């Protein structure tokens, strides 16, 4: 059923807001199921849809999920750019989601071997309520 809803979003059968919500929820569900292949496929489909409809990127939390998928594919610099954009979008909107974006930056910096920057991102995320482990 989740894929059916997302196919309707891809087909342009829904409003932009509903389409974005479906993409975000589908990507989040795939991520929670550790189905990173499918999450990646839907992430790319959502990106193409946004570009086709001239929607500027992913809003907030969807961008954090996208950054995670990009990180898991090994494109760390691109993933960090997405996570930082998410921080900019979420800072004033939702502290919990902002903390998730900071945590993602910590994960990226950790993999890049920049331990001081990873520690700082994890510390900031923790101060905002995100469990750092």
C-alpha atoms as a PDB file:
ATOM      1  CA  UNK A   1       0.000   0.000   0.000  1.00  0.00           C
ATOM      2  CA  UNK A   2       2.888   2.321   0.732  1.00  0.00           C
ATOM      3  CA  UNK A   3       4.336   1.794  -2.751  1.00  0.00           C
ATOM      4  CA  UNK A   4       0.893   2.320  -4.314  1.00  0.00           C
ATOM      5  CA  UNK A   5       0.533   5.688  -2.580  1.00  0.00           C
ATOM      6  CA  UNK A   6       4.023   6.667  -3.665  1.00  0.00           C
ATOM      7  CA  UNK A   7       3.327   5.639  -7.263  1.00  0.00           C
ATOM      8  CA  UNK A   8       0.302   7.985  -7.207  1.00  0.00           C
ATOM      9  CA  UNK A   9       2.625  10.737  -5.998  1.00  0.00           C
ATOM     10  CA  UNK A  10       5.119  10.018  -8.772  1.00  0.00           C
ATOM     11  CA  UNK A  11       2.338  10.059 -11.362  1.00  0.00           C
ATOM     12  CA  UNK A  12       1.362  13.588 -10.352  1.00  0.00           C
ATOM     13  CA  UNK A  13      -2.120  12.550  -9.221  1.00  0.00           C
ATOM     14  CA  UNK A  14      -1.828  14.412  -5.909  1.00  0.00           C
ATOM     15  CA  UNK A  15      -1.174  17.942  -4.715  1.00  0.00           C
ATOM     16  CA  UNK A  16       2.423  19.016  -4.109  1.00  0.00           C
ATOM     17  CA  UNK A  17       1.973  19.023  -0.316  1.00  0.00           C
ATOM     18  CA  UNK A  18       0.445  15.516  -0.249  1.00  0.00           C
ATOM     19  CA  UNK A  19       3.111  14.270  -2.646  1.00  0.00           C
ATOM     20  CA  UNK A  20       5.885  15.592  -0.391  1.00  0.00           C
ATOM     21  CA  UNK A  21       4.285  14.038   2.701  1.00  0.00           C
ATOM     22  CA  UNK A  22       3.968  10.660   0.982  1.00  0.00           C
ATOM     23  CA  UNK A  23       7.571  10.705  -0.215  1.00  0.00           C
ATOM     24  CA  UNK A  24       8.841  11.667   3.219  1.00  0.00           C
ATOM     25  CA  UNK A  25       6.794   9.002   5.003  1.00  0.00           C
ATOM     26  CA  UNK A  26       7.725   6.317   2.468  1.00  0.00           C
ATOM     27  CA  UNK A  27      11.428   7.106   2.738  1.00  0.00           C
ATOM     28  CA  UNK A  28      11.201   7.162   6.551  1.00  0.00           C
ATOM     29  CA  UNK A  29       9.365   3.814   6.626  1.00  0.00           C
ATOM     30  CA  UNK A  30      11.915   2.200   4.300  1.00  0.00           C
ATOM     31  CA  UNK A  31      14.734   3.594   6.435  1.00  0.00           C
ATOM     32  CA  UNK A  32      13.155   2.192   9.616  1.00  0.00           C
ATOM     33  CA  UNK A  33      12.847  -1.201   7.918  1.00  0.00           C
ATOM     34  CA  UNK A  34      16.516  -0.957   6.868  1.00  0.00           C
ATOM     35  CA  UNK A  35      15.373  -1.240   3.248  1.00  0.00           C
ATOM     36  CA  UNK A  36      17.974   1.269   2.091  1.00  0.00           C
ATOM     37  CA  UNK A  37      17.783   0.193  -1.550  1.00  0.00           C
ATOM     38  CA  UNK A  38      14.098   1.057  -1.718  1.00  0.00           C
ATOM     39  CA  UNK A  39      14.572   4.216   0.357  1.00  0.00           C
ATOM     40  CA  UNK A  40      17.251   5.286  -2.102  1.00  0.00           C
ATOM     41  CA  UNK A  41      15.018   4.599  -5.088  1.00  0.00           C
ATOM     42  CA  UNK A  42      12.175   6.663  -3.614  1.00  0.00           C
ATOM     43  CA  UNK A  43      14.613   9.402  -2.616  1.00  0.00           C
ATOM     44  CA  UNK A  44      15.767   9.712  -6.220  1.00  0.00           C
ATOM     45  CA  UNK A  45      12.171   9.584  -7.503  1.00  0.00           C
ATOM     46  CA  UNK A  46      11.211  12.364  -5.098  1.00  0.00           C
ATOM     47  CA  UNK A  47      14.171  14.458  -6.201  1.00  0.00           C
ATOM     48  CA  UNK A  48      13.204  14.054  -9.876  1.00  0.00           C
ATOM     49  CA  UNK A  49       9.584  14.923  -9.077  1.00  0.00           C
ATOM     50  CA  UNK A  50      10.608  18.080  -7.207  1.00  0.00           C
ATOM     51  CA  UNK A  51      12.880  19.131 -10.067  1.00  0.00           C
ATOM     52  CA  UNK A  52      10.155  18.471 -12.647  1.00  0.00           C
ATOM     53  CA  UNK A  53       7.610  20.537 -10.713  1.00  0.00           C
ATOM     54  CA  UNK A  54      10.142  23.254  -9.786  1.00  0.00           C
ATOM     55  CA  UNK A  55       9.740  22.463  -6.071  1.00  0.00           C
ATOM     56  CA  UNK A  56      12.864  23.572  -4.238  1.00  0.00           C
ATOM     57  CA  UNK A  57      14.257  20.395  -2.763  1.00  0.00           C
ATOM     58  CA  UNK A  58      12.966  18.459   0.153  1.00  0.00           C
ATOM     59  CA  UNK A  59      11.445  20.145   3.146  1.00  0.00           C
ATOM     60  CA  UNK A  60      13.041  19.624   6.525  1.00  0.00           C
ATOM     61  CA  UNK A  61      12.931  16.075   7.782  1.00  0.00           C
ATOM     62  CA  UNK A  62      12.730  14.578   4.297  1.00  0.00           C
ATOM     63  CA  UNK A  63      16.071  16.221   3.616  1.00  0.00           C
ATOM     64  CA  UNK A  64      17.535  14.532   6.730  1.00  0.00           C
ATOM     65  CA  UNK A  65      16.415  11.125   5.417  1.00  0.00           C
ATOM     66  CA  UNK A  66      17.841  11.968   2.004  1.00  0.00           C
ATOM     67  CA  UNK A  67      21.171  12.937   3.629  1.00  0.00           C
ATOM     68  CA  UNK A  68      21.246   9.589   5.428  1.00  0.00           C
ATOM     69  CA  UNK A  69      20.663   7.627   2.226  1.00  0.00           C
ATOM     70  CA  UNK A  70      23.355   9.618   0.432  1.00  0.00           C
ATOM     71  CA  UNK A  71      25.736   8.986   3.355  1.00  0.00           C
ATOM     72  CA  UNK A  72      25.042   5.270   3.232  1.00  0.00           C
ATOM     73  CA  UNK A  73      25.978   5.328  -0.468  1.00  0.00           C
ATOM     74  CA  UNK A  74      29.329   6.877   0.473  1.00  0.00           C
ATOM     75  CA  UNK A  75      28.831  10.368  -0.997  1.00  0.00           C
ATOM     76  CA  UNK A  76      29.745  12.069   2.252  1.00  0.00           C
ATOM     77  CA  UNK A  77      30.291  15.621   0.991  1.00  0.00           C
ATOM     78  CA  UNK A  78      26.913  15.632  -0.772  1.00  0.00           C
ATOM     79  CA  UNK A  79      25.266  14.089   2.299  1.00  0.00           C
ATOM     80  CA  UNK A  80      26.708  16.794   4.518  1.00  0.00           C
ATOM     81  CA  UNK A  81      25.413  19.524   2.195  1.00  0.00           C
ATOM     82  CA  UNK A  82      21.917  18.015   2.422  1.00  0.00           C
ATOM     83  CA  UNK A  83      22.128  17.708   6.220  1.00  0.00           C
ATOM     84  CA  UNK A  84      23.287  21.322   6.546  1.00  0.00           C
ATOM     85  CA  UNK A  85      20.417  22.505   4.333  1.00  0.00           C
ATOM     86  CA  UNK A  86      18.095  20.541   6.619  1.00  0.00           C
ATOM     87  CA  UNK A  87      19.602  22.349   9.615  1.00  0.00           C
ATOM     88  CA  UNK A  88      18.895  25.696   7.975  1.00  0.00           C
ATOM     89  CA  UNK A  89      15.297  24.685   7.251  1.00  0.00           C
ATOM     90  CA  UNK A  90      14.620  23.121  10.634  1.00  0.00           C
ATOM     91  CA  UNK A  91      16.426  25.391  13.092  1.00  0.00           C
ATOM     92  CA  UNK A  92      13.407  27.642  13.664  1.00  0.00           C
ATOM     93  CA  UNK A  93      10.750  25.089  12.757  1.00  0.00           C
ATOM     94  CA  UNK A  94      11.253  21.970  14.895  1.00  0.00           C
ATOM     95  CA  UNK A  95      13.997  21.424  17.458  1.00  0.00           C
ATOM     96  CA  UNK A  96      13.713  17.618  17.411  1.00  0.00           C
ATOM     97  CA  UNK A  97      14.143  17.429  13.663  1.00  0.00           C
ATOM     98  CA  UNK A  98      16.929  20.002  13.810  1.00  0.00           C
ATOM     99  CA  UNK A  99      18.705  17.734  16.315  1.00  0.00           C
ATOM    100  CA  UNK A 100      18.286  14.814  13.893  1.00  0.00           C
ATOM    101  CA  UNK A 101      19.975  16.853  11.161  1.00  0.00           C
ATOM    102  CA  UNK A 102      22.861  17.689  13.510  1.00  0.00           C
ATOM    103  CA  UNK A 103      23.152  14.011  14.417  1.00  0.00           C
ATOM    104  CA  UNK A 104      23.395  13.137  10.717  1.00  0.00           C
ATOM    105  CA  UNK A 105      26.226  15.648  10.352  1.00  0.00           C
ATOM    106  CA  UNK A 106      27.934  13.900  13.264  1.00  0.00           C
ATOM    107  CA  UNK A 107      27.587  10.531  11.506  1.00  0.00           C
ATOM    108  CA  UNK A 108      29.053  11.974   8.299  1.00  0.00           C
ATOM    109  CA  UNK A 109      31.952  13.692  10.059  1.00  0.00           C
ATOM    110  CA  UNK A 110      32.681  10.480  11.990  1.00  0.00           C
ATOM    111  CA  UNK A 111      32.987   8.521   8.755  1.00  0.00           C
ATOM    112  CA  UNK A 112      35.191  11.230   7.272  1.00  0.00           C
ATOM    113  CA  UNK A 113      37.546  10.880  10.240  1.00  0.00           C
ATOM    114  CA  UNK A 114      36.883  14.398  11.548  1.00  0.00           C
ATOM    115  CA  UNK A 115      36.375  13.371  15.165  1.00  0.00           C
ATOM    116  CA  UNK A 116      36.309  16.881  16.695  1.00  0.00           C
ATOM    117  CA  UNK A 117      33.567  18.004  14.272  1.00  0.00           C
ATOM    118  CA  UNK A 118      31.649  14.756  14.806  1.00  0.00           C
ATOM    119  CA  UNK A 119      31.857  15.201  18.572  1.00  0.00           C
ATOM    120  CA  UNK A 120      30.625  18.790  18.297  1.00  0.00           C
ATOM    121  CA  UNK A 121      27.642  17.814  16.111  1.00  0.00           C
ATOM    122  CA  UNK A 122      26.717  14.929  18.418  1.00  0.00           C
ATOM    123  CA  UNK A 123      27.056  17.214  21.463  1.00  0.00           C
ATOM    124  CA  UNK A 124      24.775  19.848  19.921  1.00  0.00           C
ATOM    125  CA  UNK A 125      22.240  17.183  18.930  1.00  0.00           C
ATOM    126  CA  UNK A 126      22.322  15.765  22.454  1.00  0.00           C
ATOM    127  CA  UNK A 127      21.780  19.222  23.992  1.00  0.00           C
ATOM    128  CA  UNK A 128      18.624  19.470  21.869  1.00  0.00           C
ATOM    129  CA  UNK A 129      17.357  16.103  23.073  1.00  0.00           C
ATOM    130  CA  UNK A 130      18.712  13.644  20.482  1.00  0.00           C
ATOM    131  CA  UNK A 131      20.204  10.519  22.065  1.00  0.00           C
ATOM    132  CA  UNK A 132      23.851  10.533  20.962  1.00  0.00           C
ATOM    133  CA  UNK A 133      24.428   6.776  20.820  1.00  0.00           C
END
